[in-house]
């Protein structure tokens, strides 16, 4: 869900995804490249992401990812599910002992 959300913000390459997640989460979340790239491949295989090779700011070639229409639907579904789950956890944590 987090990868889909970051890619929904605009076309981005893998390394920048890890940086953006870390930056937005104020260093709480850190995605290792060994986890990120297999996840990106799975998302691309599921047709939730589309990738094209482009030059980065440093001039290196990198795969840039964009969210597909199917990816947008999946992001919306995942976000709804997360909202329900996190609300349920909050209710449990607020329960008096």
PDB file of N, CA and C in Angstrom:
ATOM      1  N   UNK A   1       0.820  -1.182   0.000  1.00  0.00           N
ATOM      2  CA  UNK A   1       0.000   0.000   0.000  1.00  0.00           C
ATOM      3  C   UNK A   1       0.870   1.255   0.000  1.00  0.00           C
ATOM      4  N   UNK A   2       1.942   1.259   0.793  1.00  0.00           N
ATOM      5  CA  UNK A   2       2.791   2.442   0.870  1.00  0.00           C
ATOM      6  C   UNK A   2       3.487   2.721  -0.465  1.00  0.00           C
ATOM      7  N   UNK A   3       3.934   1.673  -1.112  1.00  0.00           N
ATOM      8  CA  UNK A   3       4.582   1.854  -2.417  1.00  0.00           C
ATOM      9  C   UNK A   3       3.581   2.413  -3.413  1.00  0.00           C
ATOM     10  N   UNK A   4       2.384   1.864  -3.443  1.00  0.00           N
ATOM     11  CA  UNK A   4       1.358   2.358  -4.367  1.00  0.00           C
ATOM     12  C   UNK A   4       1.064   3.831  -4.089  1.00  0.00           C
ATOM     13  N   UNK A   5       0.989   4.198  -2.818  1.00  0.00           N
ATOM     14  CA  UNK A   5       0.695   5.593  -2.462  1.00  0.00           C
ATOM     15  C   UNK A   5       1.809   6.527  -2.922  1.00  0.00           C
ATOM     16  N   UNK A   6       3.044   6.134  -2.712  1.00  0.00           N
ATOM     17  CA  UNK A   6       4.164   6.977  -3.131  1.00  0.00           C
ATOM     18  C   UNK A   6       4.176   7.125  -4.655  1.00  0.00           C
ATOM     19  N   UNK A   7       3.961   6.039  -5.360  1.00  0.00           N
ATOM     20  CA  UNK A   7       3.955   6.101  -6.827  1.00  0.00           C
ATOM     21  C   UNK A   7       2.763   6.914  -7.326  1.00  0.00           C
ATOM     22  N   UNK A   8       1.657   6.908  -6.593  1.00  0.00           N
ATOM     23  CA  UNK A   8       0.478   7.694  -6.978  1.00  0.00           C
ATOM     24  C   UNK A   8       0.784   9.187  -6.994  1.00  0.00           C
ATOM     25  N   UNK A   9       1.806   9.602  -6.252  1.00  0.00           N
ATOM     26  CA  UNK A   9       2.168  11.020  -6.194  1.00  0.00           C
ATOM     27  C   UNK A   9       2.870  11.494  -7.468  1.00  0.00           C
ATOM     28  N   UNK A  10       3.351  10.547  -8.281  1.00  0.00           N
ATOM     29  CA  UNK A  10       4.027  10.904  -9.531  1.00  0.00           C
ATOM     30  C   UNK A  10       5.069   9.867  -9.896  1.00  0.00           C
ATOM     31  N   UNK A  11       5.461   9.857 -11.143  1.00  0.00           N
ATOM     32  CA  UNK A  11       6.453   8.909 -11.646  1.00  0.00           C
ATOM     33  C   UNK A  11       7.735   8.990 -10.820  1.00  0.00           C
ATOM     34  N   UNK A  12       8.251   7.822 -10.427  1.00  0.00           N
ATOM     35  CA  UNK A  12       9.381   7.797  -9.499  1.00  0.00           C
ATOM     36  C   UNK A  12      10.171   6.503  -9.676  1.00  0.00           C
ATOM     37  N   UNK A  13      11.469   6.564  -9.453  1.00  0.00           N
ATOM     38  CA  UNK A  13      12.295   5.359  -9.548  1.00  0.00           C
ATOM     39  C   UNK A  13      12.433   4.717  -8.172  1.00  0.00           C
ATOM     40  N   UNK A  14      12.899   3.468  -8.156  1.00  0.00           N
ATOM     41  CA  UNK A  14      12.930   2.662  -6.946  1.00  0.00           C
ATOM     42  C   UNK A  14      13.640   3.293  -5.769  1.00  0.00           C
ATOM     43  N   UNK A  15      14.860   3.741  -5.970  1.00  0.00           N
ATOM     44  CA  UNK A  15      15.624   4.315  -4.868  1.00  0.00           C
ATOM     45  C   UNK A  15      14.906   5.536  -4.285  1.00  0.00           C
ATOM     46  N   UNK A  16      14.292   6.333  -5.142  1.00  0.00           N
ATOM     47  CA  UNK A  16      13.566   7.519  -4.671  1.00  0.00           C
ATOM     48  C   UNK A  16      12.334   7.126  -3.861  1.00  0.00           C
ATOM     49  N   UNK A  17      11.745   5.956  -4.161  1.00  0.00           N
ATOM     50  CA  UNK A  17      10.612   5.476  -3.372  1.00  0.00           C
ATOM     51  C   UNK A  17      11.056   5.246  -1.935  1.00  0.00           C
ATOM     52  N   UNK A  18      12.200   4.575  -1.756  1.00  0.00           N
ATOM     53  CA  UNK A  18      12.687   4.309  -0.396  1.00  0.00           C
ATOM     54  C   UNK A  18      12.986   5.617   0.333  1.00  0.00           C
ATOM     55  N   UNK A  19      13.578   6.565  -0.375  1.00  0.00           N
ATOM     56  CA  UNK A  19      13.890   7.855   0.244  1.00  0.00           C
ATOM     57  C   UNK A  19      12.622   8.595   0.646  1.00  0.00           C
ATOM     58  N   UNK A  20      11.616   8.577  -0.243  1.00  0.00           N
ATOM     59  CA  UNK A  20      10.366   9.301   0.038  1.00  0.00           C
ATOM     60  C   UNK A  20       9.635   8.694   1.228  1.00  0.00           C
ATOM     61  N   UNK A  21       9.577   7.363   1.311  1.00  0.00           N
ATOM     62  CA  UNK A  21       8.918   6.711   2.447  1.00  0.00           C
ATOM     63  C   UNK A  21       9.634   7.089   3.744  1.00  0.00           C
ATOM     64  N   UNK A  22      10.942   7.036   3.730  1.00  0.00           N
ATOM     65  CA  UNK A  22      11.719   7.382   4.922  1.00  0.00           C
ATOM     66  C   UNK A  22      11.516   8.846   5.294  1.00  0.00           C
ATOM     67  N   UNK A  23      11.529   9.718   4.304  1.00  0.00           N
ATOM     68  CA  UNK A  23      11.376  11.148   4.557  1.00  0.00           C
ATOM     69  C   UNK A  23       9.985  11.480   5.105  1.00  0.00           C
ATOM     70  N   UNK A  24       8.948  10.979   4.454  1.00  0.00           N
ATOM     71  CA  UNK A  24       7.582  11.295   4.876  1.00  0.00           C
ATOM     72  C   UNK A  24       7.288  10.725   6.257  1.00  0.00           C
ATOM     73  N   UNK A  25       7.838   9.542   6.544  1.00  0.00           N
ATOM     74  CA  UNK A  25       7.593   8.917   7.848  1.00  0.00           C
ATOM     75  C   UNK A  25       8.530   9.447   8.934  1.00  0.00           C
ATOM     76  N   UNK A  26       9.332  10.443   8.617  1.00  0.00           N
ATOM     77  CA  UNK A  26      10.292  11.041   9.552  1.00  0.00           C
ATOM     78  C   UNK A  26      11.238   9.976  10.110  1.00  0.00           C
ATOM     79  N   UNK A  27      11.742   9.150   9.204  1.00  0.00           N
ATOM     80  CA  UNK A  27      12.728   8.106   9.514  1.00  0.00           C
ATOM     81  C   UNK A  27      12.186   6.947  10.352  1.00  0.00           C
ATOM     82  N   UNK A  28      10.873   6.862  10.523  1.00  0.00           N
ATOM     83  CA  UNK A  28      10.301   5.736  11.257  1.00  0.00           C
ATOM     84  C   UNK A  28      10.284   4.490  10.377  1.00  0.00           C
ATOM     85  N   UNK A  29       9.921   4.663   9.116  1.00  0.00           N
ATOM     86  CA  UNK A  29       9.853   3.538   8.183  1.00  0.00           C
ATOM     87  C   UNK A  29      11.041   3.584   7.234  1.00  0.00           C
ATOM     88  N   UNK A  30      11.678   2.442   7.094  1.00  0.00           N
ATOM     89  CA  UNK A  30      12.796   2.321   6.164  1.00  0.00           C
ATOM     90  C   UNK A  30      12.608   1.035   5.365  1.00  0.00           C
ATOM     91  N   UNK A  31      12.511   1.167   4.065  1.00  0.00           N
ATOM     92  CA  UNK A  31      12.332   0.016   3.191  1.00  0.00           C
ATOM     93  C   UNK A  31      13.685  -0.340   2.595  1.00  0.00           C
ATOM     94  N   UNK A  32      14.114  -1.563   2.832  1.00  0.00           N
ATOM     95  CA  UNK A  32      15.389  -2.026   2.294  1.00  0.00           C
ATOM     96  C   UNK A  32      15.230  -2.354   0.807  1.00  0.00           C
ATOM     97  N   UNK A  33      16.266  -2.093   0.037  1.00  0.00           N
ATOM     98  CA  UNK A  33      16.214  -2.357  -1.400  1.00  0.00           C
ATOM     99  C   UNK A  33      15.948  -3.826  -1.694  1.00  0.00           C
ATOM    100  N   UNK A  34      16.440  -4.716  -0.825  1.00  0.00           N
ATOM    101  CA  UNK A  34      16.211  -6.142  -1.009  1.00  0.00           C
ATOM    102  C   UNK A  34      14.752  -6.528  -0.868  1.00  0.00           C
ATOM    103  N   UNK A  35      13.965  -5.698  -0.211  1.00  0.00           N
ATOM    104  CA  UNK A  35      12.518  -5.907  -0.095  1.00  0.00           C
ATOM    105  C   UNK A  35      11.760  -5.116  -1.159  1.00  0.00           C
ATOM    106  N   UNK A  36      12.265  -3.932  -1.462  1.00  0.00           N
ATOM    107  CA  UNK A  36      11.560  -3.049  -2.394  1.00  0.00           C
ATOM    108  C   UNK A  36      11.479  -3.609  -3.807  1.00  0.00           C
ATOM    109  N   UNK A  37      12.603  -4.013  -4.367  1.00  0.00           N
ATOM    110  CA  UNK A  37      12.602  -4.399  -5.771  1.00  0.00           C
ATOM    111  C   UNK A  37      11.772  -5.642  -6.063  1.00  0.00           C
ATOM    112  N   UNK A  38      11.794  -6.675  -5.204  1.00  0.00           N
ATOM    113  CA  UNK A  38      10.860  -7.782  -5.442  1.00  0.00           C
ATOM    114  C   UNK A  38       9.397  -7.324  -5.358  1.00  0.00           C
ATOM    115  N   UNK A  39       9.106  -6.409  -4.431  1.00  0.00           N
ATOM    116  CA  UNK A  39       7.743  -5.882  -4.312  1.00  0.00           C
ATOM    117  C   UNK A  39       7.350  -5.109  -5.567  1.00  0.00           C
ATOM    118  N   UNK A  40       8.250  -4.299  -6.090  1.00  0.00           N
ATOM    119  CA  UNK A  40       7.964  -3.553  -7.321  1.00  0.00           C
ATOM    120  C   UNK A  40       7.685  -4.503  -8.483  1.00  0.00           C
ATOM    121  N   UNK A  41       8.451  -5.579  -8.567  1.00  0.00           N
ATOM    122  CA  UNK A  41       8.230  -6.560  -9.636  1.00  0.00           C
ATOM    123  C   UNK A  41       6.864  -7.227  -9.492  1.00  0.00           C
ATOM    124  N   UNK A  42       6.486  -7.557  -8.261  1.00  0.00           N
ATOM    125  CA  UNK A  42       5.158  -8.161  -8.040  1.00  0.00           C
ATOM    126  C   UNK A  42       4.047  -7.185  -8.427  1.00  0.00           C
ATOM    127  N   UNK A  43       4.192  -5.942  -8.032  1.00  0.00           N
ATOM    128  CA  UNK A  43       3.174  -4.942  -8.356  1.00  0.00           C
ATOM    129  C   UNK A  43       3.080  -4.713  -9.859  1.00  0.00           C
ATOM    130  N   UNK A  44       4.210  -4.759 -10.524  1.00  0.00           N
ATOM    131  CA  UNK A  44       4.227  -4.604 -11.982  1.00  0.00           C
ATOM    132  C   UNK A  44       3.582  -5.830 -12.647  1.00  0.00           C
ATOM    133  N   UNK A  45       3.876  -7.020 -12.150  1.00  0.00           N
ATOM    134  CA  UNK A  45       3.279  -8.243 -12.700  1.00  0.00           C
ATOM    135  C   UNK A  45       1.770  -8.284 -12.511  1.00  0.00           C
ATOM    136  N   UNK A  46       1.298  -7.682 -11.431  1.00  0.00           N
ATOM    137  CA  UNK A  46      -0.146  -7.620 -11.169  1.00  0.00           C
ATOM    138  C   UNK A  46      -0.826  -6.494 -11.946  1.00  0.00           C
ATOM    139  N   UNK A  47      -0.041  -5.754 -12.711  1.00  0.00           N
ATOM    140  CA  UNK A  47      -0.532  -4.640 -13.539  1.00  0.00           C
ATOM    141  C   UNK A  47      -1.000  -3.450 -12.707  1.00  0.00           C
ATOM    142  N   UNK A  48      -0.468  -3.332 -11.487  1.00  0.00           N
ATOM    143  CA  UNK A  48      -0.797  -2.185 -10.644  1.00  0.00           C
ATOM    144  C   UNK A  48       0.185  -1.049 -10.869  1.00  0.00           C
ATOM    145  N   UNK A  49       1.368  -1.380 -11.368  1.00  0.00           N
ATOM    146  CA  UNK A  49       2.380  -0.388 -11.721  1.00  0.00           C
ATOM    147  C   UNK A  49       2.819  -0.619 -13.155  1.00  0.00           C
ATOM    148  N   UNK A  50       3.227   0.460 -13.781  1.00  0.00           N
ATOM    149  CA  UNK A  50       3.807   0.418 -15.126  1.00  0.00           C
ATOM    150  C   UNK A  50       5.197   1.029 -15.006  1.00  0.00           C
ATOM    151  N   UNK A  51       6.155   0.477 -15.728  1.00  0.00           N
ATOM    152  CA  UNK A  51       7.525   0.978 -15.606  1.00  0.00           C
ATOM    153  C   UNK A  51       8.114   1.292 -16.968  1.00  0.00           C
ATOM    154  N   UNK A  52       8.919   2.341 -17.011  1.00  0.00           N
ATOM    155  CA  UNK A  52       9.645   2.743 -18.217  1.00  0.00           C
ATOM    156  C   UNK A  52      11.036   3.207 -17.795  1.00  0.00           C
ATOM    157  N   UNK A  53      12.007   2.960 -18.643  1.00  0.00           N
ATOM    158  CA  UNK A  53      13.376   3.396 -18.374  1.00  0.00           C
ATOM    159  C   UNK A  53      13.552   4.851 -18.781  1.00  0.00           C
ATOM    160  N   UNK A  54      14.131   5.642 -17.878  1.00  0.00           N
ATOM    161  CA  UNK A  54      14.431   7.058 -18.126  1.00  0.00           C
ATOM    162  C   UNK A  54      15.728   7.406 -17.399  1.00  0.00           C
ATOM    163  N   UNK A  55      16.297   8.518 -17.759  1.00  0.00           N
ATOM    164  CA  UNK A  55      17.492   9.010 -17.069  1.00  0.00           C
ATOM    165  C   UNK A  55      17.086   9.685 -15.763  1.00  0.00           C
ATOM    166  N   UNK A  56      17.877   9.452 -14.718  1.00  0.00           N
ATOM    167  CA  UNK A  56      17.651  10.118 -13.436  1.00  0.00           C
ATOM    168  C   UNK A  56      18.305  11.496 -13.475  1.00  0.00           C
ATOM    169  N   UNK A  57      18.180  12.230 -12.372  1.00  0.00           N
ATOM    170  CA  UNK A  57      18.808  13.552 -12.285  1.00  0.00           C
ATOM    171  C   UNK A  57      20.323  13.463 -12.410  1.00  0.00           C
ATOM    172  N   UNK A  58      20.875  12.317 -11.982  1.00  0.00           N
ATOM    173  CA  UNK A  58      22.322  12.145 -12.063  1.00  0.00           C
ATOM    174  C   UNK A  58      22.771  11.631 -13.439  1.00  0.00           C
ATOM    175  N   UNK A  59      21.808  11.378 -14.321  1.00  0.00           N
ATOM    176  CA  UNK A  59      22.139  10.923 -15.668  1.00  0.00           C
ATOM    177  C   UNK A  59      22.137   9.412 -15.839  1.00  0.00           C
ATOM    178  N   UNK A  60      21.983   8.675 -14.746  1.00  0.00           N
ATOM    179  CA  UNK A  60      21.910   7.211 -14.824  1.00  0.00           C
ATOM    180  C   UNK A  60      20.544   6.785 -15.320  1.00  0.00           C
ATOM    181  N   UNK A  61      20.495   5.625 -15.987  1.00  0.00           N
ATOM    182  CA  UNK A  61      19.218   5.062 -16.416  1.00  0.00           C
ATOM    183  C   UNK A  61      18.580   4.326 -15.232  1.00  0.00           C
ATOM    184  N   UNK A  62      17.281   4.508 -15.058  1.00  0.00           N
ATOM    185  CA  UNK A  62      16.552   3.835 -13.991  1.00  0.00           C
ATOM    186  C   UNK A  62      15.126   3.572 -14.444  1.00  0.00           C
ATOM    187  N   UNK A  63      14.515   2.578 -13.848  1.00  0.00           N
ATOM    188  CA  UNK A  63      13.121   2.257 -14.129  1.00  0.00           C
ATOM    189  C   UNK A  63      12.249   3.208 -13.319  1.00  0.00           C
ATOM    190  N   UNK A  64      11.393   3.943 -13.994  1.00  0.00           N
ATOM    191  CA  UNK A  64      10.465   4.850 -13.334  1.00  0.00           C
ATOM    192  C   UNK A  64       9.087   4.214 -13.340  1.00  0.00           C
ATOM    193  N   UNK A  65       8.445   4.237 -12.187  1.00  0.00           N
ATOM    194  CA  UNK A  65       7.159   3.578 -12.009  1.00  0.00           C
ATOM    195  C   UNK A  65       6.021   4.591 -11.971  1.00  0.00           C
ATOM    196  N   UNK A  66       4.906   4.209 -12.577  1.00  0.00           N
ATOM    197  CA  UNK A  66       3.680   4.998 -12.505  1.00  0.00           C
ATOM    198  C   UNK A  66       2.538   4.060 -12.120  1.00  0.00           C
ATOM    199  N   UNK A  67       1.524   4.621 -11.509  1.00  0.00           N
ATOM    200  CA  UNK A  67       0.364   3.856 -11.074  1.00  0.00           C
ATOM    201  C   UNK A  67      -0.588   3.659 -12.247  1.00  0.00           C
ATOM    202  N   UNK A  68      -1.090   2.453 -12.420  1.00  0.00           N
ATOM    203  CA  UNK A  68      -2.075   2.170 -13.462  1.00  0.00           C
ATOM    204  C   UNK A  68      -3.481   2.392 -12.897  1.00  0.00           C
ATOM    205  N   UNK A  69      -4.470   2.302 -13.753  1.00  0.00           N
ATOM    206  CA  UNK A  69      -5.864   2.412 -13.319  1.00  0.00           C
ATOM    207  C   UNK A  69      -6.183   1.288 -12.322  1.00  0.00           C
ATOM    208  N   UNK A  70      -5.700   0.086 -12.626  1.00  0.00           N
ATOM    209  CA  UNK A  70      -5.905  -1.043 -11.716  1.00  0.00           C
ATOM    210  C   UNK A  70      -5.176  -0.799 -10.389  1.00  0.00           C
ATOM    211  N   UNK A  71      -4.013  -0.182 -10.466  1.00  0.00           N
ATOM    212  CA  UNK A  71      -3.260   0.148  -9.265  1.00  0.00           C
ATOM    213  C   UNK A  71      -3.987   1.156  -8.399  1.00  0.00           C
ATOM    214  N   UNK A  72      -4.653   2.114  -9.025  1.00  0.00           N
ATOM    215  CA  UNK A  72      -5.442   3.114  -8.286  1.00  0.00           C
ATOM    216  C   UNK A  72      -6.588   2.431  -7.549  1.00  0.00           C
ATOM    217  N   UNK A  73      -7.258   1.491  -8.225  1.00  0.00           N
ATOM    218  CA  UNK A  73      -8.347   0.757  -7.572  1.00  0.00           C
ATOM    219  C   UNK A  73      -7.816  -0.041  -6.388  1.00  0.00           C
ATOM    220  N   UNK A  74      -6.658  -0.673  -6.568  1.00  0.00           N
ATOM    221  CA  UNK A  74      -6.068  -1.458  -5.495  1.00  0.00           C
ATOM    222  C   UNK A  74      -5.650  -0.566  -4.335  1.00  0.00           C
ATOM    223  N   UNK A  75      -5.062   0.580  -4.628  1.00  0.00           N
ATOM    224  CA  UNK A  75      -4.674   1.519  -3.578  1.00  0.00           C
ATOM    225  C   UNK A  75      -5.897   1.958  -2.780  1.00  0.00           C
ATOM    226  N   UNK A  76      -6.982   2.270  -3.459  1.00  0.00           N
ATOM    227  CA  UNK A  76      -8.213   2.673  -2.775  1.00  0.00           C
ATOM    228  C   UNK A  76      -8.727   1.553  -1.873  1.00  0.00           C
ATOM    229  N   UNK A  77      -8.714   0.315  -2.378  1.00  0.00           N
ATOM    230  CA  UNK A  77      -9.184  -0.829  -1.587  1.00  0.00           C
ATOM    231  C   UNK A  77      -8.278  -1.061  -0.387  1.00  0.00           C
ATOM    232  N   UNK A  78      -6.973  -0.983  -0.596  1.00  0.00           N
ATOM    233  CA  UNK A  78      -6.013  -1.192   0.497  1.00  0.00           C
ATOM    234  C   UNK A  78      -6.144  -0.097   1.554  1.00  0.00           C
ATOM    235  N   UNK A  79      -6.369   1.132   1.113  1.00  0.00           N
ATOM    236  CA  UNK A  79      -6.524   2.246   2.045  1.00  0.00           C
ATOM    237  C   UNK A  79      -7.780   2.073   2.884  1.00  0.00           C
ATOM    238  N   UNK A  80      -8.880   1.663   2.256  1.00  0.00           N
ATOM    239  CA  UNK A  80     -10.119   1.399   2.989  1.00  0.00           C
ATOM    240  C   UNK A  80      -9.909   0.311   4.031  1.00  0.00           C
ATOM    241  N   UNK A  81      -9.251  -0.764   3.615  1.00  0.00           N
ATOM    242  CA  UNK A  81      -8.993  -1.872   4.524  1.00  0.00           C
ATOM    243  C   UNK A  81      -8.112  -1.420   5.696  1.00  0.00           C
ATOM    244  N   UNK A  82      -7.081  -0.635   5.409  1.00  0.00           N
ATOM    245  CA  UNK A  82      -6.203  -0.134   6.464  1.00  0.00           C
ATOM    246  C   UNK A  82      -6.980   0.748   7.439  1.00  0.00           C
ATOM    247  N   UNK A  83      -7.854   1.602   6.929  1.00  0.00           N
ATOM    248  CA  UNK A  83      -8.655   2.471   7.790  1.00  0.00           C
ATOM    249  C   UNK A  83      -9.520   1.648   8.738  1.00  0.00           C
ATOM    250  N   UNK A  84     -10.159   0.587   8.213  1.00  0.00           N
ATOM    251  CA  UNK A  84     -10.985  -0.284   9.050  1.00  0.00           C
ATOM    252  C   UNK A  84     -10.139  -0.986  10.109  1.00  0.00           C
ATOM    253  N   UNK A  85      -9.006  -1.527   9.682  1.00  0.00           N
ATOM    254  CA  UNK A  85      -8.132  -2.257  10.589  1.00  0.00           C
ATOM    255  C   UNK A  85      -7.572  -1.349  11.680  1.00  0.00           C
ATOM    256  N   UNK A  86      -7.066  -0.178  11.293  1.00  0.00           N
ATOM    257  CA  UNK A  86      -6.479   0.717  12.294  1.00  0.00           C
ATOM    258  C   UNK A  86      -7.542   1.240  13.254  1.00  0.00           C
ATOM    259  N   UNK A  87      -8.767   1.450  12.790  1.00  0.00           N
ATOM    260  CA  UNK A  87      -9.849   1.879  13.673  1.00  0.00           C
ATOM    261  C   UNK A  87     -10.191   0.773  14.671  1.00  0.00           C
ATOM    262  N   UNK A  88     -10.197  -0.467  14.219  1.00  0.00           N
ATOM    263  CA  UNK A  88     -10.472  -1.595  15.113  1.00  0.00           C
ATOM    264  C   UNK A  88      -9.395  -1.704  16.185  1.00  0.00           C
ATOM    265  N   UNK A  89      -8.140  -1.522  15.806  1.00  0.00           N
ATOM    266  CA  UNK A  89      -7.048  -1.580  16.776  1.00  0.00           C
ATOM    267  C   UNK A  89      -7.185  -0.445  17.790  1.00  0.00           C
ATOM    268  N   UNK A  90      -7.532   0.756  17.318  1.00  0.00           N
ATOM    269  CA  UNK A  90      -7.726   1.885  18.238  1.00  0.00           C
ATOM    270  C   UNK A  90      -8.818   1.578  19.256  1.00  0.00           C
ATOM    271  N   UNK A  91      -9.913   0.989  18.785  1.00  0.00           N
ATOM    272  CA  UNK A  91     -11.014   0.659  19.695  1.00  0.00           C
ATOM    273  C   UNK A  91     -10.552  -0.306  20.783  1.00  0.00           C
ATOM    274  N   UNK A  92      -9.766  -1.296  20.394  1.00  0.00           N
ATOM    275  CA  UNK A  92      -9.270  -2.264  21.363  1.00  0.00           C
ATOM    276  C   UNK A  92      -8.327  -1.593  22.355  1.00  0.00           C
ATOM    277  N   UNK A  93      -7.421  -0.753  21.861  1.00  0.00           N
ATOM    278  CA  UNK A  93      -6.458  -0.089  22.745  1.00  0.00           C
ATOM    279  C   UNK A  93      -7.130   0.886  23.702  1.00  0.00           C
ATOM    280  N   UNK A  94      -8.247   1.449  23.318  1.00  0.00           N
ATOM    281  CA  UNK A  94      -8.971   2.397  24.195  1.00  0.00           C
ATOM    282  C   UNK A  94      -9.800   1.695  25.255  1.00  0.00           C
ATOM    283  N   UNK A  95      -9.955   0.395  25.130  1.00  0.00           N
ATOM    284  CA  UNK A  95     -10.762  -0.349  26.097  1.00  0.00           C
ATOM    285  C   UNK A  95     -10.104  -0.310  27.477  1.00  0.00           C
ATOM    286  N   UNK A  96     -10.881   0.057  28.454  1.00  0.00           N
ATOM    287  CA  UNK A  96     -10.351   0.132  29.828  1.00  0.00           C
ATOM    288  C   UNK A  96     -10.065  -1.273  30.341  1.00  0.00           C
ATOM    289  N   UNK A  97      -9.025  -1.355  31.164  1.00  0.00           N
ATOM    290  CA  UNK A  97      -8.657  -2.662  31.745  1.00  0.00           C
ATOM    291  C   UNK A  97      -9.438  -2.913  33.002  1.00  0.00           C
TER     292      UNK A  97
END
